[in-house]
C-alpha atoms as a PDB file:
ATOM      1  CA  MET A   1      -9.528  -1.144   8.133  1.00  0.00           C
ATOM      2  CA  LEU A   2      -8.543   0.237  11.664  1.00  0.00           C
ATOM      3  CA  LEU A   3      -8.202   3.664  10.080  1.00  0.00           C
ATOM      4  CA  GLU A   4     -11.666   3.489   8.707  1.00  0.00           C
ATOM      5  CA  LEU A   5     -13.096   2.433  12.045  1.00  0.00           C
ATOM      6  CA  LEU A   6     -11.379   5.300  13.797  1.00  0.00           C
ATOM      7  CA  CYS A   7     -11.904   7.923  11.132  1.00  0.00           C
ATOM      8  CA  PRO A   8     -14.762   6.744   8.864  1.00  0.00           C
ATOM      9  CA  GLN A   9     -15.143   8.141   5.343  1.00  0.00           C
ATOM     10  CA  THR A  10     -12.517  10.583   5.726  1.00  0.00           C
ATOM     11  CA  VAL A  11      -8.969   9.326   4.540  1.00  0.00           C
ATOM     12  CA  SER A  12      -8.911   8.011   0.976  1.00  0.00           C
ATOM     13  CA  CYS A  13      -6.897   5.028  -0.250  1.00  0.00           C
ATOM     14  CA  ALA A  14      -5.397   7.522  -2.879  1.00  0.00           C
ATOM     15  CA  ASP A  15      -3.991   9.600   0.021  1.00  0.00           C
ATOM     16  CA  ILE A  16      -2.790   6.526   1.953  1.00  0.00           C
ATOM     17  CA  LEU A  17      -0.828   5.410  -1.196  1.00  0.00           C
ATOM     18  CA  ALA A  18       0.595   8.976  -1.759  1.00  0.00           C
ATOM     19  CA  VAL A  19       1.934   9.147   1.790  1.00  0.00           C
ATOM     20  CA  ALA A  20       3.169   5.651   1.874  1.00  0.00           C
ATOM     21  CA  ALA A  21       5.232   6.166  -1.368  1.00  0.00           C
ATOM     22  CA  ARG A  22       6.802   9.300   0.239  1.00  0.00           C
ATOM     23  CA  ASP A  23       7.503   7.597   3.565  1.00  0.00           C
ATOM     24  CA  SER A  24       8.890   4.422   2.038  1.00  0.00           C
ATOM     25  CA  VAL A  25      11.433   6.340  -0.049  1.00  0.00           C
ATOM     26  CA  SER A  26      12.459   8.341   2.880  1.00  0.00           C
ATOM     27  CA  GLN A  27      12.823   5.291   5.119  1.00  0.00           C
ATOM     28  CA  LEU A  28      15.177   3.784   2.494  1.00  0.00           C
ATOM     29  CA  GLY A  29      17.353   6.858   2.657  1.00  0.00           C
ATOM     30  CA  GLY A  30      15.931   8.743  -0.168  1.00  0.00           C
ATOM     31  CA  PRO A  31      14.350  12.283  -0.277  1.00  0.00           C
ATOM     32  CA  SER A  32      11.092  13.453   1.303  1.00  0.00           C
ATOM     33  CA  TRP A  33       8.446  15.856  -0.116  1.00  0.00           C
ATOM     34  CA  THR A  34       5.198  17.600   0.657  1.00  0.00           C
ATOM     35  CA  VAL A  35       2.113  15.424  -0.118  1.00  0.00           C
ATOM     36  CA  LEU A  36      -1.011  17.439  -0.561  1.00  0.00           C
ATOM     37  CA  LEU A  37      -4.011  15.565   0.866  1.00  0.00           C
ATOM     38  CA  GLY A  38      -7.738  15.606   0.047  1.00  0.00           C
ATOM     39  CA  ARG A  39      -7.808  13.147  -2.950  1.00  0.00           C
ATOM     40  CA  ARG A  40     -10.741  10.940  -3.321  1.00  0.00           C
ATOM     41  CA  ASP A  41     -10.912   7.413  -4.695  1.00  0.00           C
ATOM     42  CA  ALA A  42     -12.251   6.410  -8.182  1.00  0.00           C
ATOM     43  CA  THR A  43     -15.574   4.683  -8.435  1.00  0.00           C
ATOM     44  CA  THR A  44     -14.402   2.387 -11.213  1.00  0.00           C
ATOM     45  CA  ALA A  45     -11.167   0.328 -11.922  1.00  0.00           C
ATOM     46  CA  SER A  46      -9.661  -0.770 -15.110  1.00  0.00           C
ATOM     47  CA  ALA A  47      -6.460  -2.779 -15.422  1.00  0.00           C
ATOM     48  CA  SER A  48      -6.422  -2.387 -19.122  1.00  0.00           C
ATOM     49  CA  LEU A  49      -6.728   1.436 -18.980  1.00  0.00           C
ATOM     50  CA  THR A  50      -4.007   1.630 -16.311  1.00  0.00           C
ATOM     51  CA  ASN A  51      -1.702  -0.603 -18.309  1.00  0.00           C
ATOM     52  CA  SER A  52      -2.360   1.601 -21.475  1.00  0.00           C
ATOM     53  CA  ASP A  53      -1.118   4.587 -19.623  1.00  0.00           C
ATOM     54  CA  LEU A  54       2.039   2.958 -18.307  1.00  0.00           C
ATOM     55  CA  PRO A  55       5.222   2.201 -20.342  1.00  0.00           C
ATOM     56  CA  GLY A  56       6.152  -1.361 -20.570  1.00  0.00           C
ATOM     57  CA  PRO A  57       9.532  -3.099 -19.717  1.00  0.00           C
ATOM     58  CA  THR A  58      10.354  -3.244 -23.418  1.00  0.00           C
ATOM     59  CA  SER A  59       9.619   0.395 -24.201  1.00  0.00           C
ATOM     60  CA  ASN A  60      12.085   2.429 -26.272  1.00  0.00           C
ATOM     61  CA  LEU A  61      13.016   5.989 -25.384  1.00  0.00           C
ATOM     62  CA  ASN A  62      10.475   7.687 -27.623  1.00  0.00           C
ATOM     63  CA  ASN A  63       7.693   5.572 -26.082  1.00  0.00           C
ATOM     64  CA  LEU A  64       8.774   6.516 -22.574  1.00  0.00           C
ATOM     65  CA  LEU A  65       8.954  10.163 -23.430  1.00  0.00           C
ATOM     66  CA  ASN A  66       5.487  10.066 -25.094  1.00  0.00           C
ATOM     67  CA  LYS A  67       3.796   8.188 -22.153  1.00  0.00           C
ATOM     68  CA  PHE A  68       5.178  10.642 -19.620  1.00  0.00           C
ATOM     69  CA  SER A  69       4.482  13.715 -21.764  1.00  0.00           C
ATOM     70  CA  ASN A  70       0.917  12.638 -22.195  1.00  0.00           C
ATOM     71  CA  LYS A  71       0.522  13.071 -18.371  1.00  0.00           C
ATOM     72  CA  GLY A  72       2.267  16.535 -18.404  1.00  0.00           C
ATOM     73  CA  LEU A  73       5.670  15.208 -17.181  1.00  0.00           C
ATOM     74  CA  SER A  74       8.947  16.469 -18.648  1.00  0.00           C
ATOM     75  CA  THR A  75      11.973  14.533 -19.742  1.00  0.00           C
ATOM     76  CA  THR A  76      13.626  15.453 -16.506  1.00  0.00           C
ATOM     77  CA  ASP A  77      10.672  14.097 -14.591  1.00  0.00           C
ATOM     78  CA  MET A  78      10.699  10.855 -16.567  1.00  0.00           C
ATOM     79  CA  VAL A  79      14.424  10.148 -16.051  1.00  0.00           C
ATOM     80  CA  ALA A  80      14.249  11.109 -12.343  1.00  0.00           C
ATOM     81  CA  LEU A  81      11.159   8.924 -11.732  1.00  0.00           C
ATOM     82  CA  SER A  82      12.852   6.037 -13.565  1.00  0.00           C
ATOM     83  CA  GLY A  83      15.386   6.173 -10.677  1.00  0.00           C
ATOM     84  CA  ALA A  84      12.899   4.501  -8.451  1.00  0.00           C
ATOM     85  CA  HIS A  85      14.168   1.341 -10.097  1.00  0.00           C
ATOM     86  CA  THR A  86      16.971   1.734  -7.628  1.00  0.00           C
ATOM     87  CA  VAL A  87      14.994  -0.566  -5.459  1.00  0.00           C
ATOM     88  CA  GLY A  88      12.555  -3.450  -6.264  1.00  0.00           C
ATOM     89  CA  ARG A  89      12.579  -6.589  -8.357  1.00  0.00           C
ATOM     90  CA  ALA A  90      11.364  -7.573 -11.753  1.00  0.00           C
ATOM     91  CA  GLN A  91      10.108 -10.924 -13.125  1.00  0.00           C
ATOM     92  CA  CYS A  92      12.163 -12.962 -15.664  1.00  0.00           C
ATOM     93  CA  LYS A  93       9.440 -12.585 -18.327  1.00  0.00           C
ATOM     94  CA  ASN A  94      10.018  -8.822 -18.264  1.00  0.00           C
ATOM     95  CA  PHE A  95      13.771  -8.966 -18.835  1.00  0.00           C
ATOM     96  CA  ARG A  96      14.265 -12.174 -20.720  1.00  0.00           C
ATOM     97  CA  THR A  97      14.410 -10.570 -24.158  1.00  0.00           C
ATOM     98  CA  ARG A  98      16.879  -8.108 -22.846  1.00  0.00           C
ATOM     99  CA  ILE A  99      19.496 -10.523 -21.421  1.00  0.00           C
ATOM    100  CA  HIS A 100      19.282 -12.820 -24.442  1.00  0.00           C
ATOM    101  CA  ASN A 101      18.913 -10.556 -27.452  1.00  0.00           C
ATOM    102  CA  ASP A 102      19.865  -6.903 -26.606  1.00  0.00           C
ATOM    103  CA  THR A 103      23.325  -5.814 -27.603  1.00  0.00           C
ATOM    104  CA  ASP A 104      23.674  -2.758 -25.356  1.00  0.00           C
ATOM    105  CA  ILE A 105      24.165  -4.959 -22.240  1.00  0.00           C
ATOM    106  CA  ASP A 106      27.303  -5.797 -20.313  1.00  0.00           C
ATOM    107  CA  ALA A 107      28.205  -9.335 -21.318  1.00  0.00           C
ATOM    108  CA  SER A 108      29.107 -10.548 -17.784  1.00  0.00           C
ATOM    109  CA  PHE A 109      25.881  -9.098 -16.409  1.00  0.00           C
ATOM    110  CA  ALA A 110      23.772 -10.817 -18.980  1.00  0.00           C
ATOM    111  CA  ALA A 111      25.572 -14.075 -18.504  1.00  0.00           C
ATOM    112  CA  SER A 112      25.029 -13.987 -14.733  1.00  0.00           C
ATOM    113  CA  LEU A 113      21.197 -13.689 -15.243  1.00  0.00           C
ATOM    114  CA  ARG A 114      20.621 -16.320 -17.976  1.00  0.00           C
ATOM    115  CA  ALA A 115      20.811 -19.380 -15.883  1.00  0.00           C
ATOM    116  CA  GLY A 116      17.880 -18.214 -13.722  1.00  0.00           C
ATOM    117  CA  CYS A 117      16.055 -16.825 -16.724  1.00  0.00           C
ATOM    118  CA  PRO A 118      16.143 -19.173 -19.778  1.00  0.00           C
ATOM    119  CA  GLN A 119      15.463 -17.933 -23.240  1.00  0.00           C
ATOM    120  CA  HIS A 120      12.095 -19.693 -23.622  1.00  0.00           C
ATOM    121  CA  PRO A 121       8.998 -19.042 -21.608  1.00  0.00           C
ATOM    122  CA  GLY A 122       8.192 -21.580 -18.760  1.00  0.00           C
ATOM    123  CA  ALA A 123       8.451 -22.116 -15.161  1.00  0.00           C
ATOM    124  CA  SER A 124      11.067 -19.453 -14.728  1.00  0.00           C
ATOM    125  CA  ASP A 125       8.731 -16.600 -15.880  1.00  0.00           C
ATOM    126  CA  GLY A 126       8.019 -15.340 -12.329  1.00  0.00           C
ATOM    127  CA  ALA A 127      11.660 -15.610 -11.238  1.00  0.00           C
ATOM    128  CA  LEU A 128      12.718 -12.399  -9.595  1.00  0.00           C
ATOM    129  CA  GLU A 129      15.971 -10.391 -10.025  1.00  0.00           C
ATOM    130  CA  PRO A 130      16.856  -7.002  -8.391  1.00  0.00           C
ATOM    131  CA  LEU A 131      16.278  -4.037 -10.675  1.00  0.00           C
ATOM    132  CA  ASN A 132      19.492  -2.670  -9.162  1.00  0.00           C
ATOM    133  CA  ALA A 133      21.440  -5.154  -7.171  1.00  0.00           C
ATOM    134  CA  PRO A 134      23.917  -2.589  -5.638  1.00  0.00           C
ATOM    135  CA  SER A 135      21.089  -0.813  -3.797  1.00  0.00           C
ATOM    136  CA  LEU A 136      18.468  -3.490  -3.239  1.00  0.00           C
ATOM    137  CA  ASP A 137      17.457  -2.051   0.157  1.00  0.00           C
ATOM    138  CA  SER A 138      18.515   1.588  -0.147  1.00  0.00           C
ATOM    139  CA  PHE A 139      17.257   4.535  -2.304  1.00  0.00           C
ATOM    140  CA  ASP A 140      20.327   6.154  -4.038  1.00  0.00           C
ATOM    141  CA  ASN A 141      21.618   7.128  -7.362  1.00  0.00           C
ATOM    142  CA  SER A 142      23.483   3.796  -8.152  1.00  0.00           C
ATOM    143  CA  TYR A 143      20.781   2.892 -10.671  1.00  0.00           C
ATOM    144  CA  PHE A 144      22.123   5.534 -12.993  1.00  0.00           C
ATOM    145  CA  SER A 145      25.740   4.374 -12.537  1.00  0.00           C
ATOM    146  CA  GLY A 146      24.469   0.951 -13.660  1.00  0.00           C
ATOM    147  CA  LEU A 147      23.092   2.465 -16.818  1.00  0.00           C
ATOM    148  CA  LEU A 148      26.443   3.978 -17.638  1.00  0.00           C
ATOM    149  CA  SER A 149      27.923   0.478 -17.356  1.00  0.00           C
ATOM    150  CA  GLN A 150      25.054  -1.061 -19.565  1.00  0.00           C
ATOM    151  CA  ARG A 151      23.710  -2.958 -16.528  1.00  0.00           C
ATOM    152  CA  GLY A 152      20.107  -1.795 -16.715  1.00  0.00           C
ATOM    153  CA  LEU A 153      17.844  -4.830 -16.042  1.00  0.00           C
ATOM    154  CA  LEU A 154      14.946  -3.791 -18.208  1.00  0.00           C
ATOM    155  CA  HIS A 155      15.078  -2.718 -21.805  1.00  0.00           C
ATOM    156  CA  SER A 156      13.260   0.455 -20.723  1.00  0.00           C
ATOM    157  CA  ASP A 157      15.930   1.059 -18.154  1.00  0.00           C
ATOM    158  CA  GLN A 158      18.798   1.012 -20.511  1.00  0.00           C
ATOM    159  CA  ALA A 159      16.913   3.011 -23.151  1.00  0.00           C
ATOM    160  CA  LEU A 160      17.572   6.023 -21.012  1.00  0.00           C
ATOM    161  CA  PHE A 161      21.323   5.932 -21.799  1.00  0.00           C
ATOM    162  CA  GLY A 162      23.626   5.057 -24.554  1.00  0.00           C
ATOM    163  CA  GLY A 163      21.761   6.052 -27.723  1.00  0.00           C
ATOM    164  CA  GLY A 164      22.921   9.598 -27.741  1.00  0.00           C
ATOM    165  CA  GLY A 165      19.451  10.778 -27.011  1.00  0.00           C
ATOM    166  CA  SER A 166      18.159  13.616 -24.931  1.00  0.00           C
ATOM    167  CA  THR A 167      18.414  11.691 -21.654  1.00  0.00           C
ATOM    168  CA  ASP A 168      22.079  10.707 -21.802  1.00  0.00           C
ATOM    169  CA  GLY A 169      23.125  13.887 -20.126  1.00  0.00           C
ATOM    170  CA  LEU A 170      20.608  13.471 -17.231  1.00  0.00           C
ATOM    171  CA  VAL A 171      21.671  10.030 -16.545  1.00  0.00           C
ATOM    172  CA  ARG A 172      25.265  11.183 -16.378  1.00  0.00           C
ATOM    173  CA  SER A 173      24.264  14.077 -14.006  1.00  0.00           C
ATOM    174  CA  TYR A 174      22.248  11.759 -11.671  1.00  0.00           C
ATOM    175  CA  ALA A 175      25.027   9.204 -11.613  1.00  0.00           C
ATOM    176  CA  SER A 176      27.460  11.867 -10.421  1.00  0.00           C
ATOM    177  CA  SER A 177      25.145  13.731  -7.983  1.00  0.00           C
ATOM    178  CA  GLY A 178      22.820  11.871  -5.688  1.00  0.00           C
ATOM    179  CA  ASP A 179      21.561  15.279  -4.377  1.00  0.00           C
ATOM    180  CA  GLN A 180      20.410  16.388  -7.820  1.00  0.00           C
ATOM    181  CA  PHE A 181      18.566  13.144  -8.477  1.00  0.00           C
ATOM    182  CA  GLY A 182      16.988  13.360  -5.027  1.00  0.00           C
ATOM    183  CA  SER A 183      15.793  16.905  -5.566  1.00  0.00           C
ATOM    184  CA  ASN A 184      14.496  16.092  -9.115  1.00  0.00           C
ATOM    185  CA  PHE A 185      12.836  12.994  -7.951  1.00  0.00           C
ATOM    186  CA  ALA A 186      11.063  14.693  -5.103  1.00  0.00           C
ATOM    187  CA  ALA A 187       9.797  17.434  -7.422  1.00  0.00           C
ATOM    188  CA  ALA A 188       8.572  14.819 -10.083  1.00  0.00           C
ATOM    189  CA  MET A 189       6.728  12.876  -7.438  1.00  0.00           C
ATOM    190  CA  MET A 190       4.854  16.006  -6.302  1.00  0.00           C
ATOM    191  CA  LYS A 191       3.898  16.633 -10.042  1.00  0.00           C
ATOM    192  CA  MET A 192       2.847  13.037 -10.565  1.00  0.00           C
ATOM    193  CA  GLY A 193       0.829  12.951  -7.295  1.00  0.00           C
ATOM    194  CA  ASN A 194      -1.239  15.828  -8.539  1.00  0.00           C
ATOM    195  CA  ILE A 195      -2.237  14.381 -11.978  1.00  0.00           C
ATOM    196  CA  SER A 196      -6.029  14.753 -12.312  1.00  0.00           C
ATOM    197  CA  PRO A 197      -6.919  14.062  -8.623  1.00  0.00           C
ATOM    198  CA  LEU A 198     -10.549  13.425  -7.672  1.00  0.00           C
ATOM    199  CA  THR A 199     -11.531  16.117  -5.089  1.00  0.00           C
ATOM    200  CA  GLY A 200     -14.631  17.638  -3.581  1.00  0.00           C
ATOM    201  CA  THR A 201     -17.672  15.511  -4.177  1.00  0.00           C
ATOM    202  CA  ASP A 202     -16.101  13.603  -7.129  1.00  0.00           C
ATOM    203  CA  GLY A 203     -15.403   9.870  -6.492  1.00  0.00           C
ATOM    204  CA  GLU A 204     -15.678   8.323  -3.002  1.00  0.00           C
ATOM    205  CA  ILE A 205     -13.865   7.315   0.083  1.00  0.00           C
ATOM    206  CA  ARG A 206     -13.354   3.690  -0.218  1.00  0.00           C
ATOM    207  CA  VAL A 207     -14.144   1.487   2.913  1.00  0.00           C
ATOM    208  CA  ASN A 208     -11.846  -1.244   1.471  1.00  0.00           C
ATOM    209  CA  CYS A 209      -9.001  -0.199  -0.830  1.00  0.00           C
ATOM    210  CA  ARG A 210      -9.365  -3.436  -2.815  1.00  0.00           C
ATOM    211  CA  ARG A 211     -12.735  -2.599  -4.268  1.00  0.00           C
ATOM    212  CA  VAL A 212     -15.254   0.264  -4.834  1.00  0.00           C
ATOM    213  CA  ASN A 213     -17.925   0.702  -2.165  1.00  0.00           C
END
């Protein structure tokens, strides 16, 4: 709101989010990249449409590849962007099936999570666990090392490695080279940040990012 008071109808919420994403990664020790500015905000919002574009936590490799490809993002982009899961947390309801039913998971890792995330839905649904415990507060390539050890928290994480698919080699490369991961991640973020932006007179500059004007 302070920005809007000082510089009204100029800086969009879309641009703020793009810059915040870049700066938060950089602050955690990850790469930086150029953010092109000038986006405008949508005049509509749809949770269902957004969710239909995003792969879910139980997605298999083909679904992941298709979702990203539909937005013009390559296999390399998809694997690199998945590395953002080196930070953050996930709710029990999104990894319950993996730790209780999946077979491509380290046994001790699964066992350590089951007490806090029982097999049946209930009060534990919102319980949080780190997407990648070794680097909870730093942006690095240890997420990919975890996949090599079958310690991906989400089914969609582990889907990137172990099935002999097209992404196995990329996971190995990123696990061994943080520089390659960082470079490819930055390039993919630039591509993703320029998917169908609203510019010119399209859309609006929101006064409040939580709602349309």
